[in-house]
Amino acid sequence: MTKLQLITKGFVKDNPTFVLLLGMCPTLATTTSAINGLSMGLATLFVLVLANMAISAVAPVVPDKVHIPVYIVIIATFVTLLQLLMQAFVPDIYATLGLFIPLIVVNCIVLGRAEAFANKNTVLDSALDGLGVGLGFTCSLTVLGIVREILGSGSVFGWKFISGDGMLAFVMAPGAFLALGYLMVLFNKFVAKK
């Protein structure tokens, strides 16, 4: 598999949101706006790339009996670093995403990529895999956030372009499920045509 295929695989074929249906809790909860979706996606991307690289580097020396706890400690370390950086440099976004940043530690996307890919491949390949899956997750969350923000409040990235109120349901949980369902159908129809 080429380096480019490692990246694009996570974007299309193994898209965590629209194909594999992983990470649904942050997907549905944080995408009330485009900026929230983008922020959560970038946070996960940061942790995914660094954790994949670290896990790939230490995997050969970690005994099989303790590899999952070791991976979780590595992931938790990068999530803690991310939390500190977000609190220092983007406190408003950190406050908005709240509990979902620490929950990246147990996000099945991050641990799943560590178990399925990073512990069996080189550091560079693991970084590229993390980048591809992270970009796929970021794009998915951003698109879902854009759709929900447009339908829910008539704006995108905070720019109001439709006067009046939108459909409140799309800013709430039912709208998240509806928007995600329709986007999954469109994504899979588009991918099937290729």
N, C-alpha and C. Protein backbone atom coordinates (compact mmCIF):
# COMPACT_ATOMS: atom_id res chain seq x y z
N MET A 1 0.84 -1.17 0.00
CA MET A 1 0.00 0.00 0.00
C MET A 1 0.89 1.24 0.00
N THR A 2 0.60 2.19 -0.89
CA THR A 2 1.41 3.41 -0.97
C THR A 2 1.09 4.35 0.19
N LYS A 3 1.93 5.34 0.37
CA LYS A 3 1.73 6.32 1.44
C LYS A 3 0.45 7.11 1.21
N LEU A 4 0.17 7.46 -0.03
CA LEU A 4 -1.06 8.20 -0.34
C LEU A 4 -2.30 7.35 -0.05
N GLN A 5 -2.24 6.07 -0.37
CA GLN A 5 -3.37 5.17 -0.09
C GLN A 5 -3.62 5.03 1.41
N LEU A 6 -2.56 5.09 2.21
CA LEU A 6 -2.73 5.04 3.66
C LEU A 6 -3.57 6.22 4.15
N ILE A 7 -3.33 7.38 3.55
CA ILE A 7 -4.08 8.58 3.95
C ILE A 7 -5.51 8.53 3.42
N THR A 8 -5.67 8.23 2.13
CA THR A 8 -7.01 8.28 1.53
C THR A 8 -7.92 7.16 2.02
N LYS A 9 -7.34 6.06 2.49
CA LYS A 9 -8.15 4.95 3.01
C LYS A 9 -8.99 5.41 4.19
N GLY A 10 -8.39 6.17 5.09
CA GLY A 10 -9.11 6.68 6.26
C GLY A 10 -10.10 7.77 5.92
N PHE A 11 -9.90 8.36 4.78
CA PHE A 11 -10.78 9.44 4.34
C PHE A 11 -12.07 8.89 3.72
N VAL A 12 -11.93 7.82 2.94
CA VAL A 12 -13.08 7.32 2.18
C VAL A 12 -13.47 5.91 2.62
N LYS A 13 -12.64 4.93 2.31
CA LYS A 13 -13.00 3.52 2.54
C LYS A 13 -13.22 3.20 4.01
N ASP A 14 -12.38 3.74 4.88
CA ASP A 14 -12.50 3.50 6.33
C ASP A 14 -12.91 4.76 7.06
N ASN A 15 -13.75 5.59 6.46
CA ASN A 15 -14.20 6.81 7.13
C ASN A 15 -14.86 6.43 8.45
N PRO A 16 -14.35 6.96 9.56
CA PRO A 16 -14.85 6.51 10.86
C PRO A 16 -16.31 6.88 11.12
N THR A 17 -16.80 7.97 10.56
CA THR A 17 -18.16 8.42 10.83
C THR A 17 -19.17 7.83 9.87
N PHE A 18 -18.93 7.97 8.59
CA PHE A 18 -19.94 7.61 7.59
C PHE A 18 -19.89 6.14 7.16
N VAL A 19 -18.78 5.45 7.38
CA VAL A 19 -18.66 4.05 6.97
C VAL A 19 -18.59 3.11 8.17
N LEU A 20 -17.65 3.37 9.08
CA LEU A 20 -17.44 2.47 10.20
C LEU A 20 -18.34 2.76 11.40
N LEU A 21 -18.97 3.93 11.42
CA LEU A 21 -19.85 4.36 12.51
C LEU A 21 -19.17 4.32 13.87
N LEU A 22 -17.95 4.82 13.92
CA LEU A 22 -17.20 4.90 15.17
C LEU A 22 -17.23 6.33 15.70
N GLY A 23 -17.10 6.47 16.99
CA GLY A 23 -17.07 7.79 17.60
C GLY A 23 -18.38 8.53 17.52
N MET A 24 -19.48 7.81 17.64
CA MET A 24 -20.79 8.45 17.49
C MET A 24 -21.14 9.42 18.62
N CYS A 25 -20.65 9.18 19.81
CA CYS A 25 -20.97 10.07 20.93
C CYS A 25 -20.46 11.50 20.66
N PRO A 26 -19.16 11.70 20.38
CA PRO A 26 -18.74 13.07 20.07
C PRO A 26 -19.30 13.57 18.74
N THR A 27 -19.55 12.67 17.82
CA THR A 27 -20.09 13.09 16.53
C THR A 27 -21.46 13.73 16.71
N LEU A 28 -22.33 13.10 17.44
CA LEU A 28 -23.68 13.61 17.61
C LEU A 28 -23.74 14.77 18.61
N ALA A 29 -22.90 14.74 19.62
CA ALA A 29 -23.00 15.73 20.69
C ALA A 29 -22.30 17.05 20.37
N THR A 30 -21.21 17.02 19.63
CA THR A 30 -20.43 18.25 19.45
C THR A 30 -20.67 18.96 18.13
N THR A 31 -21.47 18.42 17.25
CA THR A 31 -21.62 19.02 15.92
C THR A 31 -22.81 19.96 15.82
N THR A 32 -23.12 20.67 16.89
CA THR A 32 -24.22 21.63 16.83
C THR A 32 -23.86 22.83 15.96
N SER A 33 -22.57 23.01 15.70
CA SER A 33 -22.11 24.06 14.80
C SER A 33 -20.88 23.57 14.05
N ALA A 34 -20.57 24.26 12.97
CA ALA A 34 -19.42 23.87 12.15
C ALA A 34 -18.11 24.02 12.92
N ILE A 35 -17.98 25.08 13.68
CA ILE A 35 -16.73 25.30 14.42
C ILE A 35 -16.53 24.24 15.49
N ASN A 36 -17.62 23.81 16.12
CA ASN A 36 -17.50 22.75 17.12
C ASN A 36 -17.09 21.43 16.47
N GLY A 37 -17.69 21.11 15.34
CA GLY A 37 -17.32 19.89 14.62
C GLY A 37 -15.87 19.91 14.17
N LEU A 38 -15.46 21.03 13.62
CA LEU A 38 -14.07 21.18 13.17
C LEU A 38 -13.11 21.07 14.35
N SER A 39 -13.44 21.71 15.44
CA SER A 39 -12.57 21.70 16.63
C SER A 39 -12.43 20.29 17.21
N MET A 40 -13.54 19.59 17.33
CA MET A 40 -13.49 18.23 17.87
C MET A 40 -12.71 17.30 16.93
N GLY A 41 -12.91 17.48 15.64
CA GLY A 41 -12.18 16.67 14.66
C GLY A 41 -10.68 16.92 14.72
N LEU A 42 -10.28 18.18 14.82
CA LEU A 42 -8.85 18.50 14.90
C LEU A 42 -8.24 18.01 16.21
N ALA A 43 -9.00 18.08 17.29
CA ALA A 43 -8.51 17.56 18.57
C ALA A 43 -8.25 16.06 18.47
N THR A 44 -9.18 15.35 17.87
CA THR A 44 -9.03 13.90 17.71
C THR A 44 -7.88 13.58 16.76
N LEU A 45 -7.75 14.36 15.71
CA LEU A 45 -6.65 14.19 14.75
C LEU A 45 -5.30 14.33 15.44
N PHE A 46 -5.15 15.34 16.27
CA PHE A 46 -3.92 15.57 17.02
C PHE A 46 -3.55 14.34 17.85
N VAL A 47 -4.52 13.86 18.62
CA VAL A 47 -4.27 12.71 19.49
C VAL A 47 -4.01 11.45 18.65
N LEU A 48 -4.76 11.27 17.59
CA LEU A 48 -4.65 10.08 16.76
C LEU A 48 -3.27 9.94 16.13
N VAL A 49 -2.77 11.02 15.55
CA VAL A 49 -1.46 10.96 14.89
C VAL A 49 -0.36 10.71 15.91
N LEU A 50 -0.35 11.46 16.99
CA LEU A 50 0.72 11.31 17.98
C LEU A 50 0.65 9.97 18.70
N ALA A 51 -0.55 9.53 19.05
CA ALA A 51 -0.69 8.24 19.73
C ALA A 51 -0.29 7.09 18.81
N ASN A 52 -0.69 7.15 17.55
CA ASN A 52 -0.30 6.11 16.60
C ASN A 52 1.23 6.01 16.49
N MET A 53 1.87 7.17 16.42
CA MET A 53 3.33 7.16 16.30
C MET A 53 3.98 6.57 17.56
N ALA A 54 3.52 7.00 18.72
CA ALA A 54 4.11 6.51 19.97
C ALA A 54 3.84 5.01 20.16
N ILE A 55 2.64 4.58 19.87
CA ILE A 55 2.29 3.17 20.03
C ILE A 55 3.08 2.31 19.06
N SER A 56 3.26 2.78 17.84
CA SER A 56 4.06 2.04 16.87
C SER A 56 5.50 1.90 17.34
N ALA A 57 6.00 2.94 17.99
CA ALA A 57 7.39 2.91 18.46
C ALA A 57 7.59 1.95 19.64
N VAL A 58 6.60 1.88 20.54
CA VAL A 58 6.78 1.05 21.74
C VAL A 58 6.19 -0.35 21.61
N ALA A 59 5.38 -0.60 20.60
CA ALA A 59 4.67 -1.88 20.46
C ALA A 59 5.60 -3.10 20.48
N PRO A 60 6.76 -3.05 19.85
CA PRO A 60 7.61 -4.25 19.86
C PRO A 60 8.12 -4.65 21.25
N VAL A 61 8.16 -3.72 22.18
CA VAL A 61 8.70 -4.06 23.51
C VAL A 61 7.62 -4.20 24.58
N VAL A 62 6.36 -4.00 24.22
CA VAL A 62 5.27 -4.11 25.19
C VAL A 62 4.75 -5.55 25.19
N PRO A 63 4.71 -6.19 26.35
CA PRO A 63 4.18 -7.56 26.42
C PRO A 63 2.69 -7.61 26.05
N ASP A 64 2.26 -8.70 25.45
CA ASP A 64 0.88 -8.83 25.01
C ASP A 64 -0.13 -8.68 26.15
N LYS A 65 0.22 -9.13 27.33
CA LYS A 65 -0.71 -9.09 28.45
C LYS A 65 -1.08 -7.67 28.89
N VAL A 66 -0.21 -6.71 28.62
CA VAL A 66 -0.46 -5.35 29.10
C VAL A 66 -0.53 -4.32 27.97
N HIS A 67 -0.66 -4.77 26.75
CA HIS A 67 -0.61 -3.78 25.66
C HIS A 67 -1.78 -2.81 25.67
N ILE A 68 -2.98 -3.24 25.99
CA ILE A 68 -4.13 -2.32 26.01
C ILE A 68 -3.96 -1.24 27.09
N PRO A 69 -3.63 -1.61 28.34
CA PRO A 69 -3.40 -0.55 29.33
C PRO A 69 -2.28 0.42 28.95
N VAL A 70 -1.22 -0.10 28.34
CA VAL A 70 -0.12 0.76 27.91
C VAL A 70 -0.62 1.72 26.84
N TYR A 71 -1.38 1.23 25.88
CA TYR A 71 -1.92 2.10 24.83
C TYR A 71 -2.83 3.17 25.41
N ILE A 72 -3.64 2.81 26.38
CA ILE A 72 -4.55 3.79 26.99
C ILE A 72 -3.76 4.86 27.74
N VAL A 73 -2.69 4.49 28.40
CA VAL A 73 -1.85 5.48 29.09
C VAL A 73 -1.21 6.42 28.07
N ILE A 74 -0.74 5.89 26.97
CA ILE A 74 -0.15 6.73 25.92
C ILE A 74 -1.18 7.70 25.37
N ILE A 75 -2.37 7.19 25.06
CA ILE A 75 -3.43 8.04 24.53
C ILE A 75 -3.82 9.10 25.56
N ALA A 76 -3.94 8.70 26.82
CA ALA A 76 -4.31 9.64 27.89
C ALA A 76 -3.26 10.75 28.04
N THR A 77 -2.01 10.40 27.84
CA THR A 77 -0.94 11.41 27.91
C THR A 77 -1.13 12.48 26.85
N PHE A 78 -1.42 12.06 25.62
CA PHE A 78 -1.61 13.04 24.55
C PHE A 78 -2.91 13.83 24.72
N VAL A 79 -3.94 13.20 25.27
CA VAL A 79 -5.18 13.93 25.54
C VAL A 79 -4.95 14.98 26.63
N THR A 80 -4.18 14.65 27.64
CA THR A 80 -3.86 15.62 28.70
C THR A 80 -3.08 16.79 28.13
N LEU A 81 -2.10 16.49 27.27
CA LEU A 81 -1.34 17.55 26.60
C LEU A 81 -2.28 18.44 25.78
N LEU A 82 -3.20 17.81 25.04
CA LEU A 82 -4.17 18.55 24.25
C LEU A 82 -5.04 19.45 25.13
N GLN A 83 -5.52 18.90 26.26
CA GLN A 83 -6.34 19.69 27.17
C GLN A 83 -5.60 20.93 27.66
N LEU A 84 -4.35 20.76 28.06
CA LEU A 84 -3.57 21.88 28.55
C LEU A 84 -3.36 22.93 27.46
N LEU A 85 -3.07 22.49 26.25
CA LEU A 85 -2.88 23.43 25.14
C LEU A 85 -4.18 24.17 24.80
N MET A 86 -5.30 23.44 24.80
CA MET A 86 -6.57 24.08 24.50
C MET A 86 -6.98 25.07 25.60
N GLN A 87 -6.77 24.70 26.85
CA GLN A 87 -7.09 25.62 27.95
C GLN A 87 -6.25 26.89 27.87
N ALA A 88 -5.01 26.76 27.43
CA ALA A 88 -4.11 27.91 27.35
C ALA A 88 -4.39 28.79 26.13
N PHE A 89 -4.66 28.18 24.98
CA PHE A 89 -4.71 28.96 23.75
C PHE A 89 -6.11 29.16 23.16
N VAL A 90 -7.03 28.23 23.39
CA VAL A 90 -8.41 28.37 22.87
C VAL A 90 -9.41 28.00 23.97
N PRO A 91 -9.45 28.79 25.06
CA PRO A 91 -10.30 28.43 26.19
C PRO A 91 -11.79 28.40 25.86
N ASP A 92 -12.23 29.23 24.94
CA ASP A 92 -13.66 29.24 24.58
C ASP A 92 -14.07 27.93 23.92
N ILE A 93 -13.24 27.45 23.00
CA ILE A 93 -13.54 26.18 22.33
C ILE A 93 -13.43 25.03 23.33
N TYR A 94 -12.43 25.10 24.20
CA TYR A 94 -12.28 24.06 25.22
C TYR A 94 -13.52 24.02 26.12
N ALA A 95 -14.03 25.18 26.51
CA ALA A 95 -15.22 25.23 27.36
C ALA A 95 -16.45 24.71 26.63
N THR A 96 -16.55 24.99 25.34
CA THR A 96 -17.69 24.52 24.56
C THR A 96 -17.68 23.00 24.40
N LEU A 97 -16.51 22.43 24.11
CA LEU A 97 -16.42 20.98 23.90
C LEU A 97 -16.46 20.23 25.23
N GLY A 98 -16.02 20.89 26.28
CA GLY A 98 -16.15 20.37 27.64
C GLY A 98 -15.68 18.95 27.84
N LEU A 99 -16.58 18.11 28.28
CA LEU A 99 -16.30 16.73 28.66
C LEU A 99 -15.82 15.87 27.49
N PHE A 100 -16.11 16.27 26.28
CA PHE A 100 -15.79 15.42 25.14
C PHE A 100 -14.30 15.39 24.82
N ILE A 101 -13.54 16.37 25.29
CA ILE A 101 -12.08 16.32 25.08
C ILE A 101 -11.47 15.19 25.91
N PRO A 102 -11.73 15.11 27.23
CA PRO A 102 -11.15 13.97 27.98
C PRO A 102 -11.65 12.61 27.49
N LEU A 103 -12.84 12.57 26.92
CA LEU A 103 -13.38 11.30 26.44
C LEU A 103 -12.68 10.78 25.19
N ILE A 104 -11.80 11.59 24.59
CA ILE A 104 -11.01 11.10 23.46
C ILE A 104 -10.17 9.90 23.89
N VAL A 105 -9.82 9.84 25.17
CA VAL A 105 -9.01 8.72 25.69
C VAL A 105 -9.68 7.39 25.38
N VAL A 106 -10.99 7.32 25.53
CA VAL A 106 -11.70 6.07 25.31
C VAL A 106 -12.44 6.03 23.98
N ASN A 107 -12.14 6.97 23.11
CA ASN A 107 -12.77 6.98 21.79
C ASN A 107 -12.31 5.75 21.02
N CYS A 108 -13.26 5.01 20.51
CA CYS A 108 -12.95 3.75 19.84
C CYS A 108 -12.15 3.96 18.55
N ILE A 109 -12.19 5.15 17.99
CA ILE A 109 -11.40 5.42 16.79
C ILE A 109 -9.91 5.37 17.15
N VAL A 110 -9.54 6.06 18.20
CA VAL A 110 -8.13 6.15 18.58
C VAL A 110 -7.60 4.78 19.03
N LEU A 111 -8.29 4.15 19.95
CA LEU A 111 -7.83 2.85 20.43
C LEU A 111 -7.92 1.79 19.33
N GLY A 112 -8.94 1.87 18.49
CA GLY A 112 -9.09 0.93 17.39
C GLY A 112 -7.95 1.01 16.39
N ARG A 113 -7.52 2.23 16.06
CA ARG A 113 -6.40 2.38 15.12
C ARG A 113 -5.10 1.91 15.76
N ALA A 114 -4.98 2.12 17.07
CA ALA A 114 -3.78 1.64 17.76
C ALA A 114 -3.71 0.12 17.70
N GLU A 115 -4.83 -0.52 17.95
CA GLU A 115 -4.88 -1.99 17.99
C GLU A 115 -4.83 -2.59 16.59
N ALA A 116 -5.52 -1.99 15.64
CA ALA A 116 -5.62 -2.58 14.30
C ALA A 116 -4.45 -2.23 13.39
N PHE A 117 -3.82 -1.10 13.61
CA PHE A 117 -2.80 -0.67 12.65
C PHE A 117 -1.46 -0.31 13.29
N ALA A 118 -1.47 0.60 14.25
CA ALA A 118 -0.21 1.17 14.75
C ALA A 118 0.71 0.14 15.38
N ASN A 119 0.16 -0.84 16.07
CA ASN A 119 1.05 -1.79 16.74
C ASN A 119 1.68 -2.81 15.79
N LYS A 120 1.31 -2.78 14.51
CA LYS A 120 1.84 -3.74 13.54
C LYS A 120 2.65 -3.08 12.42
N ASN A 121 2.73 -1.75 12.42
CA ASN A 121 3.36 -1.04 11.31
C ASN A 121 4.41 -0.06 11.79
N THR A 122 5.11 0.54 10.83
CA THR A 122 6.17 1.49 11.15
C THR A 122 5.59 2.79 11.70
N VAL A 123 6.47 3.60 12.28
CA VAL A 123 6.05 4.88 12.85
C VAL A 123 5.49 5.80 11.76
N LEU A 124 6.16 5.87 10.61
CA LEU A 124 5.70 6.74 9.53
C LEU A 124 4.34 6.27 9.00
N ASP A 125 4.21 4.97 8.74
CA ASP A 125 2.93 4.45 8.24
C ASP A 125 1.81 4.68 9.26
N SER A 126 2.13 4.53 10.53
CA SER A 126 1.14 4.75 11.58
C SER A 126 0.72 6.22 11.64
N ALA A 127 1.69 7.11 11.46
CA ALA A 127 1.36 8.54 11.43
C ALA A 127 0.46 8.87 10.25
N LEU A 128 0.77 8.30 9.09
CA LEU A 128 -0.05 8.55 7.91
C LEU A 128 -1.46 7.96 8.06
N ASP A 129 -1.55 6.78 8.66
CA ASP A 129 -2.85 6.19 8.93
C ASP A 129 -3.66 7.07 9.89
N GLY A 130 -3.01 7.54 10.93
CA GLY A 130 -3.67 8.44 11.87
C GLY A 130 -4.10 9.74 11.20
N LEU A 131 -3.26 10.24 10.32
CA LEU A 131 -3.60 11.46 9.59
C LEU A 131 -4.82 11.25 8.70
N GLY A 132 -4.84 10.14 7.97
CA GLY A 132 -5.97 9.87 7.08
C GLY A 132 -7.28 9.67 7.83
N VAL A 133 -7.25 8.86 8.88
CA VAL A 133 -8.46 8.61 9.67
C VAL A 133 -8.87 9.89 10.38
N GLY A 134 -7.90 10.63 10.91
CA GLY A 134 -8.21 11.90 11.59
C GLY A 134 -8.80 12.93 10.66
N LEU A 135 -8.26 13.02 9.45
CA LEU A 135 -8.83 13.95 8.47
C LEU A 135 -10.24 13.53 8.05
N GLY A 136 -10.44 12.22 7.90
CA GLY A 136 -11.78 11.73 7.57
C GLY A 136 -12.78 12.07 8.67
N PHE A 137 -12.36 11.89 9.92
CA PHE A 137 -13.22 12.21 11.06
C PHE A 137 -13.48 13.71 11.14
N THR A 138 -12.42 14.51 10.93
CA THR A 138 -12.57 15.97 10.98
C THR A 138 -13.51 16.47 9.90
N CYS A 139 -13.34 15.98 8.69
CA CYS A 139 -14.23 16.40 7.59
C CYS A 139 -15.67 15.97 7.86
N SER A 140 -15.85 14.77 8.36
CA SER A 140 -17.20 14.28 8.65
C SER A 140 -17.88 15.15 9.70
N LEU A 141 -17.18 15.45 10.78
CA LEU A 141 -17.75 16.27 11.83
C LEU A 141 -18.02 17.69 11.36
N THR A 142 -17.11 18.22 10.55
CA THR A 142 -17.30 19.58 10.04
C THR A 142 -18.51 19.65 9.11
N VAL A 143 -18.64 18.70 8.21
CA VAL A 143 -19.80 18.69 7.30
C VAL A 143 -21.10 18.53 8.08
N LEU A 144 -21.11 17.62 9.04
CA LEU A 144 -22.31 17.45 9.86
C LEU A 144 -22.62 18.72 10.64
N GLY A 145 -21.59 19.37 11.17
CA GLY A 145 -21.79 20.64 11.87
C GLY A 145 -22.31 21.73 10.97
N ILE A 146 -21.81 21.79 9.73
CA ILE A 146 -22.28 22.79 8.76
C ILE A 146 -23.76 22.57 8.47
N VAL A 147 -24.14 21.33 8.18
CA VAL A 147 -25.54 21.03 7.86
C VAL A 147 -26.44 21.38 9.05
N ARG A 148 -26.05 20.96 10.24
CA ARG A 148 -26.88 21.24 11.42
C ARG A 148 -26.96 22.72 11.72
N GLU A 149 -25.86 23.45 11.53
CA GLU A 149 -25.87 24.89 11.80
C GLU A 149 -26.72 25.64 10.78
N ILE A 150 -26.61 25.26 9.51
CA ILE A 150 -27.42 25.92 8.49
C ILE A 150 -28.91 25.68 8.75
N LEU A 151 -29.27 24.42 8.96
CA LEU A 151 -30.68 24.09 9.17
C LEU A 151 -31.19 24.57 10.53
N GLY A 152 -30.33 24.58 11.54
CA GLY A 152 -30.76 24.94 12.88
C GLY A 152 -30.79 26.42 13.17
N SER A 153 -29.85 27.17 12.58
CA SER A 153 -29.82 28.60 12.91
C SER A 153 -29.60 29.52 11.70
N GLY A 154 -29.49 28.95 10.52
CA GLY A 154 -29.34 29.78 9.32
C GLY A 154 -27.98 30.45 9.22
N SER A 155 -26.96 29.83 9.77
CA SER A 155 -25.62 30.39 9.70
C SER A 155 -24.62 29.27 9.45
N VAL A 156 -23.39 29.67 9.15
CA VAL A 156 -22.32 28.70 9.00
C VAL A 156 -21.04 29.35 9.50
N PHE A 157 -20.32 28.64 10.37
CA PHE A 157 -19.14 29.16 11.06
C PHE A 157 -19.45 30.51 11.73
N GLY A 158 -20.68 30.65 12.23
CA GLY A 158 -21.09 31.85 12.94
C GLY A 158 -21.59 32.97 12.05
N TRP A 159 -21.43 32.84 10.74
CA TRP A 159 -21.88 33.88 9.81
C TRP A 159 -23.35 33.65 9.48
N LYS A 160 -24.21 34.55 9.92
CA LYS A 160 -25.66 34.43 9.74
C LYS A 160 -26.02 34.93 8.35
N PHE A 161 -26.60 34.05 7.53
CA PHE A 161 -26.98 34.45 6.18
C PHE A 161 -28.46 34.23 5.90
N ILE A 162 -29.19 33.64 6.84
CA ILE A 162 -30.64 33.49 6.71
C ILE A 162 -31.25 34.20 7.90
N SER A 163 -32.13 35.18 7.62
CA SER A 163 -32.74 35.91 8.73
C SER A 163 -33.80 35.03 9.40
N GLY A 164 -34.03 35.33 10.66
CA GLY A 164 -35.01 34.55 11.41
C GLY A 164 -34.38 33.32 12.03
N ASP A 165 -35.22 32.55 12.66
CA ASP A 165 -34.75 31.33 13.32
C ASP A 165 -34.82 30.15 12.37
N GLY A 166 -33.93 29.21 12.58
CA GLY A 166 -33.94 27.98 11.80
C GLY A 166 -34.82 26.95 12.47
N MET A 167 -34.65 25.71 12.09
CA MET A 167 -35.40 24.61 12.70
C MET A 167 -34.63 24.14 13.93
N LEU A 168 -35.16 24.47 15.09
CA LEU A 168 -34.49 24.18 16.35
C LEU A 168 -34.15 22.70 16.51
N ALA A 169 -34.93 21.83 15.92
CA ALA A 169 -34.69 20.39 16.05
C ALA A 169 -33.30 19.99 15.57
N PHE A 170 -32.75 20.72 14.58
CA PHE A 170 -31.45 20.34 14.04
C PHE A 170 -30.29 20.73 14.95
N VAL A 171 -30.53 21.59 15.91
CA VAL A 171 -29.50 21.91 16.89
C VAL A 171 -29.57 20.95 18.07
N MET A 172 -30.65 20.22 18.17
CA MET A 172 -30.85 19.27 19.26
C MET A 172 -30.57 17.83 18.77
N ALA A 173 -30.68 16.88 19.69
CA ALA A 173 -30.33 15.48 19.40
C ALA A 173 -31.09 14.87 18.22
N PRO A 174 -32.41 15.06 18.09
CA PRO A 174 -33.10 14.44 16.95
C PRO A 174 -32.55 14.91 15.60
N GLY A 175 -32.20 16.19 15.53
CA GLY A 175 -31.64 16.72 14.29
C GLY A 175 -30.28 16.13 13.97
N ALA A 176 -29.52 15.82 15.02
CA ALA A 176 -28.21 15.20 14.81
C ALA A 176 -28.37 13.84 14.16
N PHE A 177 -29.32 13.04 14.66
CA PHE A 177 -29.55 11.72 14.08
C PHE A 177 -30.06 11.82 12.64
N LEU A 178 -30.99 12.74 12.39
CA LEU A 178 -31.52 12.91 11.03
C LEU A 178 -30.43 13.35 10.06
N ALA A 179 -29.70 14.38 10.44
CA ALA A 179 -28.65 14.90 9.55
C ALA A 179 -27.58 13.84 9.31
N LEU A 180 -27.17 13.13 10.36
CA LEU A 180 -26.16 12.08 10.20
C LEU A 180 -26.67 10.97 9.28
N GLY A 181 -27.89 10.56 9.46
CA GLY A 181 -28.46 9.50 8.62
C GLY A 181 -28.47 9.88 7.14
N TYR A 182 -28.93 11.09 6.84
CA TYR A 182 -28.97 11.52 5.44
C TYR A 182 -27.57 11.70 4.86
N LEU A 183 -26.65 12.23 5.66
CA LEU A 183 -25.27 12.38 5.17
C LEU A 183 -24.60 11.03 4.94
N MET A 184 -24.89 10.05 5.79
CA MET A 184 -24.34 8.70 5.58
C MET A 184 -24.85 8.12 4.27
N VAL A 185 -26.12 8.29 4.00
CA VAL A 185 -26.69 7.78 2.74
C VAL A 185 -26.03 8.46 1.55
N LEU A 186 -25.91 9.78 1.59
CA LEU A 186 -25.28 10.51 0.48
C LEU A 186 -23.82 10.10 0.30
N PHE A 187 -23.08 9.98 1.40
CA PHE A 187 -21.67 9.60 1.33
C PHE A 187 -21.52 8.22 0.72
N ASN A 188 -22.30 7.27 1.19
CA ASN A 188 -22.16 5.90 0.70
C ASN A 188 -22.65 5.75 -0.74
N LYS A 189 -23.64 6.53 -1.15
CA LYS A 189 -24.06 6.52 -2.56
C LYS A 189 -22.95 7.10 -3.44
N PHE A 190 -22.33 8.18 -2.99
CA PHE A 190 -21.27 8.81 -3.74
C PHE A 190 -20.06 7.88 -3.86
N VAL A 191 -19.68 7.23 -2.77
CA VAL A 191 -18.53 6.33 -2.78
C VAL A 191 -18.82 5.09 -3.62
N ALA A 192 -20.05 4.59 -3.61
CA ALA A 192 -20.42 3.39 -4.38
C ALA A 192 -20.31 3.65 -5.88
N LYS A 193 -20.52 4.90 -6.34
CA LYS A 193 -20.45 5.21 -7.75
C LYS A 193 -19.03 5.18 -8.28
N LYS A 194 -18.04 5.34 -7.38
CA LYS A 194 -16.64 5.37 -7.84
C LYS A 194 -16.11 4.00 -8.13
